[in-house]
């Protein structure tokens, strides 16, 4: 196509676009995404054009702000997730330092509370079971059947926020706790069924639907280390 023919074709297309917009004056309002790709006119033109330019600029600014906010949220979330993972890994590694069962349970109920920023951590096992509860100072005793009462037959973990927790689990700290994470400790030939309980003053710390992978990892890591000392 020669330059002259191309110019005629472009002029024809431009007229078609102009006529279309005249017939559909609300087209750009219905398709605001076009504001971010159109080139704005000079601000020295008429009032109607200035408004059009302002609309385009407002749309672009809004898109940029949304992108910046989303990016900031993603960065904050990534940082928080990374920090939490590091804390959990440090907590699990600390179990290796245990010198006996008493020391192991002390690490979990005291050191973990500091590492993980949890107000109260309790280790509970059922009594009146063919296998006696582990003998350690930091272990609380639950009536037979309590684990199933709290967690049911199938649940491995339960998260609850803004809740009235059980004194059987949290003892004298019950009045401080507004949210809990209960992790089932399955019974083995070395231990009866039990619960590893995390309690927080913050009612929003734990809630149904929250990710549980790291909590499960903590529970399994503690249980495996405990069994090593009980063998």
C-alpha atoms as a PDB file:
ATOM      1  CA  UNK A   1       0.000   0.000   0.000  1.00  0.00           C
ATOM      2  CA  UNK A   2       1.432   3.414  -0.996  1.00  0.00           C
ATOM      3  CA  UNK A   3       1.774   6.217   1.524  1.00  0.00           C
ATOM      4  CA  UNK A   4      -1.124   8.127  -0.051  1.00  0.00           C
ATOM      5  CA  UNK A   5      -3.465   5.132   0.021  1.00  0.00           C
ATOM      6  CA  UNK A   6      -2.454   4.344   3.619  1.00  0.00           C
ATOM      7  CA  UNK A   7      -3.218   7.955   4.633  1.00  0.00           C
ATOM      8  CA  UNK A   8      -6.658   7.756   2.991  1.00  0.00           C
ATOM      9  CA  UNK A   9      -7.358   4.473   4.773  1.00  0.00           C
ATOM     10  CA  UNK A  10      -6.288   5.872   8.160  1.00  0.00           C
ATOM     11  CA  UNK A  11      -8.399   9.006   7.634  1.00  0.00           C
ATOM     12  CA  UNK A  12     -11.393   6.807   6.813  1.00  0.00           C
ATOM     13  CA  UNK A  13     -10.861   4.715   9.937  1.00  0.00           C
ATOM     14  CA  UNK A  14     -10.494   7.855  12.058  1.00  0.00           C
ATOM     15  CA  UNK A  15     -13.792   9.218  10.725  1.00  0.00           C
ATOM     16  CA  UNK A  16     -15.474   5.898  11.484  1.00  0.00           C
ATOM     17  CA  UNK A  17     -14.160   6.022  15.063  1.00  0.00           C
ATOM     18  CA  UNK A  18     -15.307   9.633  15.473  1.00  0.00           C
ATOM     19  CA  UNK A  19     -18.763   8.830  14.111  1.00  0.00           C
ATOM     20  CA  UNK A  20     -18.992   5.768  16.347  1.00  0.00           C
ATOM     21  CA  UNK A  21     -18.116   7.814  19.458  1.00  0.00           C
ATOM     22  CA  UNK A  22     -20.647  10.468  18.484  1.00  0.00           C
ATOM     23  CA  UNK A  23     -23.315   7.780  18.221  1.00  0.00           C
ATOM     24  CA  UNK A  24     -22.171   6.231  21.499  1.00  0.00           C
ATOM     25  CA  UNK A  25     -21.118   9.116  23.756  1.00  0.00           C
ATOM     26  CA  UNK A  26     -20.976   6.886  26.847  1.00  0.00           C
ATOM     27  CA  UNK A  27     -18.652   4.309  25.239  1.00  0.00           C
ATOM     28  CA  UNK A  28     -15.554   5.399  27.198  1.00  0.00           C
ATOM     29  CA  UNK A  29     -17.533   5.536  30.424  1.00  0.00           C
ATOM     30  CA  UNK A  30     -18.601   1.921  29.862  1.00  0.00           C
ATOM     31  CA  UNK A  31     -15.036   0.935  28.952  1.00  0.00           C
ATOM     32  CA  UNK A  32     -12.855   2.851  31.455  1.00  0.00           C
ATOM     33  CA  UNK A  33      -9.870   0.553  30.849  1.00  0.00           C
ATOM     34  CA  UNK A  34      -9.268   2.503  27.607  1.00  0.00           C
ATOM     35  CA  UNK A  35      -8.290   5.586  29.598  1.00  0.00           C
ATOM     36  CA  UNK A  36      -5.023   3.886  30.565  1.00  0.00           C
ATOM     37  CA  UNK A  37      -3.999   3.303  26.918  1.00  0.00           C
ATOM     38  CA  UNK A  38      -5.214   6.511  25.251  1.00  0.00           C
ATOM     39  CA  UNK A  39      -2.874   9.484  24.825  1.00  0.00           C
ATOM     40  CA  UNK A  40      -4.342  12.527  26.629  1.00  0.00           C
ATOM     41  CA  UNK A  41      -4.862  15.785  24.687  1.00  0.00           C
ATOM     42  CA  UNK A  42      -3.138  19.054  25.549  1.00  0.00           C
ATOM     43  CA  UNK A  43      -4.615  20.685  28.641  1.00  0.00           C
ATOM     44  CA  UNK A  44      -4.912  24.024  26.822  1.00  0.00           C
ATOM     45  CA  UNK A  45      -7.890  22.780  24.775  1.00  0.00           C
ATOM     46  CA  UNK A  46     -11.540  23.294  25.692  1.00  0.00           C
ATOM     47  CA  UNK A  47     -13.218  22.487  28.988  1.00  0.00           C
ATOM     48  CA  UNK A  48     -14.711  19.260  27.725  1.00  0.00           C
ATOM     49  CA  UNK A  49     -11.314  17.977  26.676  1.00  0.00           C
ATOM     50  CA  UNK A  50      -9.720  19.027  29.957  1.00  0.00           C
ATOM     51  CA  UNK A  51     -12.336  16.955  31.800  1.00  0.00           C
ATOM     52  CA  UNK A  52     -11.560  14.033  29.513  1.00  0.00           C
ATOM     53  CA  UNK A  53      -7.860  14.360  30.254  1.00  0.00           C
ATOM     54  CA  UNK A  54      -8.511  14.586  33.992  1.00  0.00           C
ATOM     55  CA  UNK A  55     -10.594  11.446  33.783  1.00  0.00           C
ATOM     56  CA  UNK A  56      -7.735   9.638  32.069  1.00  0.00           C
ATOM     57  CA  UNK A  57      -5.209  10.859  34.623  1.00  0.00           C
ATOM     58  CA  UNK A  58      -7.459   9.887  37.541  1.00  0.00           C
ATOM     59  CA  UNK A  59      -7.882   6.402  36.082  1.00  0.00           C
ATOM     60  CA  UNK A  60      -4.135   5.945  35.603  1.00  0.00           C
ATOM     61  CA  UNK A  61      -3.405   7.216  39.125  1.00  0.00           C
ATOM     62  CA  UNK A  62      -6.007   4.861  40.545  1.00  0.00           C
ATOM     63  CA  UNK A  63      -4.465   1.907  38.701  1.00  0.00           C
ATOM     64  CA  UNK A  64      -0.993   2.838  39.931  1.00  0.00           C
ATOM     65  CA  UNK A  65      -2.215   3.140  43.526  1.00  0.00           C
ATOM     66  CA  UNK A  66      -3.909  -0.262  43.302  1.00  0.00           C
ATOM     67  CA  UNK A  67      -0.722  -1.822  41.955  1.00  0.00           C
ATOM     68  CA  UNK A  68       1.374  -0.216  44.689  1.00  0.00           C
ATOM     69  CA  UNK A  69      -1.051  -1.311  47.415  1.00  0.00           C
ATOM     70  CA  UNK A  70      -1.194  -4.873  46.097  1.00  0.00           C
ATOM     71  CA  UNK A  71       2.574  -5.003  45.837  1.00  0.00           C
ATOM     72  CA  UNK A  72       2.909  -3.697  49.395  1.00  0.00           C
ATOM     73  CA  UNK A  73       0.434  -6.268  50.706  1.00  0.00           C
ATOM     74  CA  UNK A  74       2.240  -9.086  48.904  1.00  0.00           C
ATOM     75  CA  UNK A  75       5.594  -7.978  50.321  1.00  0.00           C
ATOM     76  CA  UNK A  76       4.183  -7.705  53.861  1.00  0.00           C
ATOM     77  CA  UNK A  77       2.536 -11.129  53.585  1.00  0.00           C
ATOM     78  CA  UNK A  78       5.708 -12.710  52.230  1.00  0.00           C
ATOM     79  CA  UNK A  79       7.787 -11.176  55.003  1.00  0.00           C
ATOM     80  CA  UNK A  80       5.355 -12.331  57.681  1.00  0.00           C
ATOM     81  CA  UNK A  81       5.233 -15.854  56.251  1.00  0.00           C
ATOM     82  CA  UNK A  82       9.013 -16.026  56.057  1.00  0.00           C
ATOM     83  CA  UNK A  83       9.378 -14.756  59.626  1.00  0.00           C
ATOM     84  CA  UNK A  84       6.886 -17.336  60.892  1.00  0.00           C
ATOM     85  CA  UNK A  85       8.652 -20.165  59.067  1.00  0.00           C
ATOM     86  CA  UNK A  86      11.999 -19.139  60.542  1.00  0.00           C
ATOM     87  CA  UNK A  87      10.486 -19.074  64.051  1.00  0.00           C
ATOM     88  CA  UNK A  88       8.972 -22.532  63.580  1.00  0.00           C
ATOM     89  CA  UNK A  89      12.230 -23.984  62.286  1.00  0.00           C
ATOM     90  CA  UNK A  90      14.130 -22.532  65.239  1.00  0.00           C
ATOM     91  CA  UNK A  91      11.535 -23.979  67.617  1.00  0.00           C
ATOM     92  CA  UNK A  92      11.877 -27.456  66.125  1.00  0.00           C
ATOM     93  CA  UNK A  93      15.679 -27.294  66.191  1.00  0.00           C
ATOM     94  CA  UNK A  94      15.546 -26.370  69.878  1.00  0.00           C
ATOM     95  CA  UNK A  95      14.036 -29.807  70.624  1.00  0.00           C
ATOM     96  CA  UNK A  96      17.369 -31.392  69.762  1.00  0.00           C
ATOM     97  CA  UNK A  97      18.921 -29.720  72.791  1.00  0.00           C
ATOM     98  CA  UNK A  98      16.645 -31.585  75.227  1.00  0.00           C
ATOM     99  CA  UNK A  99      18.533 -33.608  77.841  1.00  0.00           C
ATOM    100  CA  UNK A 100      15.530 -35.613  79.087  1.00  0.00           C
ATOM    101  CA  UNK A 101      11.733 -35.650  79.045  1.00  0.00           C
ATOM    102  CA  UNK A 102      11.445 -32.889  81.624  1.00  0.00           C
ATOM    103  CA  UNK A 103      13.766 -30.678  79.617  1.00  0.00           C
ATOM    104  CA  UNK A 104      11.882 -31.449  76.393  1.00  0.00           C
ATOM    105  CA  UNK A 105       8.520 -30.449  77.841  1.00  0.00           C
ATOM    106  CA  UNK A 106      10.067 -27.324  79.376  1.00  0.00           C
ATOM    107  CA  UNK A 107      11.398 -26.290  75.964  1.00  0.00           C
ATOM    108  CA  UNK A 108       7.939 -26.655  74.445  1.00  0.00           C
ATOM    109  CA  UNK A 109       5.927 -24.947  77.183  1.00  0.00           C
ATOM    110  CA  UNK A 110       8.392 -22.144  77.944  1.00  0.00           C
ATOM    111  CA  UNK A 111      10.969 -21.639  75.196  1.00  0.00           C
ATOM    112  CA  UNK A 112       8.492 -22.169  72.383  1.00  0.00           C
ATOM    113  CA  UNK A 113       6.121 -19.648  73.926  1.00  0.00           C
ATOM    114  CA  UNK A 114       8.853 -17.010  73.651  1.00  0.00           C
ATOM    115  CA  UNK A 115      10.041 -18.080  70.199  1.00  0.00           C
ATOM    116  CA  UNK A 116       6.566 -18.238  68.671  1.00  0.00           C
ATOM    117  CA  UNK A 117       5.058 -15.313  70.606  1.00  0.00           C
ATOM    118  CA  UNK A 118       2.327 -17.503  72.094  1.00  0.00           C
ATOM    119  CA  UNK A 119       0.970 -16.640  75.537  1.00  0.00           C
ATOM    120  CA  UNK A 120       0.445 -20.190  76.800  1.00  0.00           C
ATOM    121  CA  UNK A 121       1.503 -23.625  75.532  1.00  0.00           C
ATOM    122  CA  UNK A 122       0.283 -26.743  77.322  1.00  0.00           C
ATOM    123  CA  UNK A 123       1.002 -30.445  76.883  1.00  0.00           C
ATOM    124  CA  UNK A 124      -1.866 -32.702  77.975  1.00  0.00           C
ATOM    125  CA  UNK A 125      -2.276 -36.483  78.092  1.00  0.00           C
ATOM    126  CA  UNK A 126      -5.185 -38.694  79.114  1.00  0.00           C
ATOM    127  CA  UNK A 127      -5.076 -40.794  82.259  1.00  0.00           C
ATOM    128  CA  UNK A 128      -6.804 -44.174  82.879  1.00  0.00           C
ATOM    129  CA  UNK A 129      -5.325 -45.507  79.657  1.00  0.00           C
ATOM    130  CA  UNK A 130      -3.406 -48.778  79.104  1.00  0.00           C
ATOM    131  CA  UNK A 131      -0.309 -46.629  78.543  1.00  0.00           C
ATOM    132  CA  UNK A 132       0.492 -44.242  81.386  1.00  0.00           C
ATOM    133  CA  UNK A 133       1.026 -40.546  80.630  1.00  0.00           C
ATOM    134  CA  UNK A 134       4.670 -39.500  80.291  1.00  0.00           C
ATOM    135  CA  UNK A 135       6.214 -38.531  83.597  1.00  0.00           C
ATOM    136  CA  UNK A 136       7.222 -34.889  83.280  1.00  0.00           C
ATOM    137  CA  UNK A 137       6.604 -31.758  85.341  1.00  0.00           C
ATOM    138  CA  UNK A 138       5.054 -29.748  82.504  1.00  0.00           C
ATOM    139  CA  UNK A 139       2.456 -32.327  81.474  1.00  0.00           C
ATOM    140  CA  UNK A 140      -1.210 -31.792  82.394  1.00  0.00           C
ATOM    141  CA  UNK A 141      -3.528 -34.752  82.921  1.00  0.00           C
ATOM    142  CA  UNK A 142      -6.897 -35.036  81.168  1.00  0.00           C
ATOM    143  CA  UNK A 143      -9.776 -37.402  81.980  1.00  0.00           C
ATOM    144  CA  UNK A 144     -10.107 -40.429  79.719  1.00  0.00           C
ATOM    145  CA  UNK A 145     -11.912 -39.594  76.475  1.00  0.00           C
ATOM    146  CA  UNK A 146     -11.082 -35.879  76.620  1.00  0.00           C
ATOM    147  CA  UNK A 147      -9.079 -35.819  73.391  1.00  0.00           C
ATOM    148  CA  UNK A 148     -12.013 -37.139  71.389  1.00  0.00           C
ATOM    149  CA  UNK A 149     -14.367 -34.779  73.226  1.00  0.00           C
ATOM    150  CA  UNK A 150     -12.256 -31.770  72.213  1.00  0.00           C
ATOM    151  CA  UNK A 151     -11.152 -32.831  68.739  1.00  0.00           C
ATOM    152  CA  UNK A 152     -13.489 -35.594  67.631  1.00  0.00           C
ATOM    153  CA  UNK A 153     -12.376 -38.873  66.100  1.00  0.00           C
ATOM    154  CA  UNK A 154     -10.994 -37.519  62.836  1.00  0.00           C
ATOM    155  CA  UNK A 155      -9.741 -33.988  63.485  1.00  0.00           C
ATOM    156  CA  UNK A 156      -5.994 -33.606  63.917  1.00  0.00           C
ATOM    157  CA  UNK A 157      -6.137 -29.917  64.716  1.00  0.00           C
ATOM    158  CA  UNK A 158      -8.773 -27.412  65.767  1.00  0.00           C
ATOM    159  CA  UNK A 159      -8.494 -23.621  65.597  1.00  0.00           C
ATOM    160  CA  UNK A 160     -10.918 -21.368  67.454  1.00  0.00           C
ATOM    161  CA  UNK A 161     -10.970 -17.640  68.036  1.00  0.00           C
ATOM    162  CA  UNK A 162     -12.937 -15.490  70.468  1.00  0.00           C
ATOM    163  CA  UNK A 163     -13.721 -18.592  72.503  1.00  0.00           C
ATOM    164  CA  UNK A 164     -14.175 -19.691  76.106  1.00  0.00           C
ATOM    165  CA  UNK A 165     -11.377 -22.241  76.494  1.00  0.00           C
ATOM    166  CA  UNK A 166     -11.277 -25.259  78.787  1.00  0.00           C
ATOM    167  CA  UNK A 167      -9.710 -25.088  82.225  1.00  0.00           C
ATOM    168  CA  UNK A 168      -8.815 -28.778  81.870  1.00  0.00           C
ATOM    169  CA  UNK A 169      -6.398 -27.788  79.120  1.00  0.00           C
ATOM    170  CA  UNK A 170      -5.203 -24.315  80.092  1.00  0.00           C
ATOM    171  CA  UNK A 171      -5.494 -24.583  83.862  1.00  0.00           C
ATOM    172  CA  UNK A 172      -5.069 -21.295  85.757  1.00  0.00           C
ATOM    173  CA  UNK A 173      -4.273 -19.482  82.486  1.00  0.00           C
ATOM    174  CA  UNK A 174      -7.843 -20.061  81.231  1.00  0.00           C
ATOM    175  CA  UNK A 175      -8.972 -16.513  82.026  1.00  0.00           C
ATOM    176  CA  UNK A 176      -6.183 -15.058  79.858  1.00  0.00           C
ATOM    177  CA  UNK A 177      -6.904 -17.076  76.723  1.00  0.00           C
ATOM    178  CA  UNK A 178      -9.258 -15.904  73.963  1.00  0.00           C
ATOM    179  CA  UNK A 179      -8.088 -18.090  71.063  1.00  0.00           C
ATOM    180  CA  UNK A 180      -6.732 -21.621  70.888  1.00  0.00           C
ATOM    181  CA  UNK A 181      -5.081 -24.123  68.592  1.00  0.00           C
ATOM    182  CA  UNK A 182      -5.469 -27.733  69.717  1.00  0.00           C
ATOM    183  CA  UNK A 183      -3.207 -30.296  68.050  1.00  0.00           C
ATOM    184  CA  UNK A 184      -3.910 -33.991  68.564  1.00  0.00           C
ATOM    185  CA  UNK A 185      -1.075 -36.184  69.832  1.00  0.00           C
ATOM    186  CA  UNK A 186      -2.018 -39.692  68.650  1.00  0.00           C
ATOM    187  CA  UNK A 187      -1.653 -42.608  71.021  1.00  0.00           C
ATOM    188  CA  UNK A 188       1.191 -45.053  70.452  1.00  0.00           C
ATOM    189  CA  UNK A 189       2.675 -47.934  72.409  1.00  0.00           C
ATOM    190  CA  UNK A 190       4.694 -45.283  74.239  1.00  0.00           C
ATOM    191  CA  UNK A 191       2.021 -42.706  75.078  1.00  0.00           C
ATOM    192  CA  UNK A 192      -1.745 -42.296  75.543  1.00  0.00           C
ATOM    193  CA  UNK A 193      -3.677 -39.813  73.378  1.00  0.00           C
ATOM    194  CA  UNK A 194      -2.927 -36.201  74.126  1.00  0.00           C
ATOM    195  CA  UNK A 195      -3.195 -32.584  73.042  1.00  0.00           C
ATOM    196  CA  UNK A 196      -0.580 -29.940  72.341  1.00  0.00           C
ATOM    197  CA  UNK A 197      -2.425 -26.684  73.044  1.00  0.00           C
ATOM    198  CA  UNK A 198      -1.536 -23.132  72.031  1.00  0.00           C
ATOM    199  CA  UNK A 199      -3.426 -20.288  73.693  1.00  0.00           C
ATOM    200  CA  UNK A 200      -3.398 -16.571  72.924  1.00  0.00           C
ATOM    201  CA  UNK A 201      -4.849 -13.428  74.458  1.00  0.00           C
ATOM    202  CA  UNK A 202      -5.494 -12.208  70.912  1.00  0.00           C
ATOM    203  CA  UNK A 203      -8.961 -13.430  69.919  1.00  0.00           C
ATOM    204  CA  UNK A 204      -7.935 -13.292  66.240  1.00  0.00           C
ATOM    205  CA  UNK A 205      -4.723 -15.297  66.590  1.00  0.00           C
ATOM    206  CA  UNK A 206      -6.413 -18.574  65.607  1.00  0.00           C
ATOM    207  CA  UNK A 207      -9.569 -19.062  63.551  1.00  0.00           C
ATOM    208  CA  UNK A 208     -11.266 -21.793  61.474  1.00  0.00           C
ATOM    209  CA  UNK A 209      -9.958 -21.958  57.920  1.00  0.00           C
ATOM    210  CA  UNK A 210      -6.515 -20.698  58.868  1.00  0.00           C
ATOM    211  CA  UNK A 211      -3.519 -22.567  57.439  1.00  0.00           C
ATOM    212  CA  UNK A 212      -2.390 -25.359  59.753  1.00  0.00           C
ATOM    213  CA  UNK A 213       0.725 -26.765  58.055  1.00  0.00           C
ATOM    214  CA  UNK A 214       3.237 -25.179  60.440  1.00  0.00           C
ATOM    215  CA  UNK A 215       1.205 -26.093  63.526  1.00  0.00           C
ATOM    216  CA  UNK A 216       0.982 -29.696  62.334  1.00  0.00           C
ATOM    217  CA  UNK A 217       4.737 -29.671  61.779  1.00  0.00           C
ATOM    218  CA  UNK A 218       5.312 -28.458  65.335  1.00  0.00           C
ATOM    219  CA  UNK A 219       2.996 -31.111  66.747  1.00  0.00           C
ATOM    220  CA  UNK A 220       4.594 -33.974  64.812  1.00  0.00           C
ATOM    221  CA  UNK A 221       8.121 -32.792  65.623  1.00  0.00           C
ATOM    222  CA  UNK A 222       7.403 -32.637  69.341  1.00  0.00           C
ATOM    223  CA  UNK A 223       5.706 -36.046  69.353  1.00  0.00           C
ATOM    224  CA  UNK A 224       8.581 -37.754  67.531  1.00  0.00           C
ATOM    225  CA  UNK A 225      11.139 -36.256  69.917  1.00  0.00           C
ATOM    226  CA  UNK A 226       9.012 -37.269  72.898  1.00  0.00           C
ATOM    227  CA  UNK A 227       8.844 -40.870  71.692  1.00  0.00           C
ATOM    228  CA  UNK A 228      12.636 -40.971  71.435  1.00  0.00           C
ATOM    229  CA  UNK A 229      12.837 -40.166  75.157  1.00  0.00           C
ATOM    230  CA  UNK A 230      10.051 -42.584  76.088  1.00  0.00           C
ATOM    231  CA  UNK A 231      11.535 -45.619  74.347  1.00  0.00           C
END
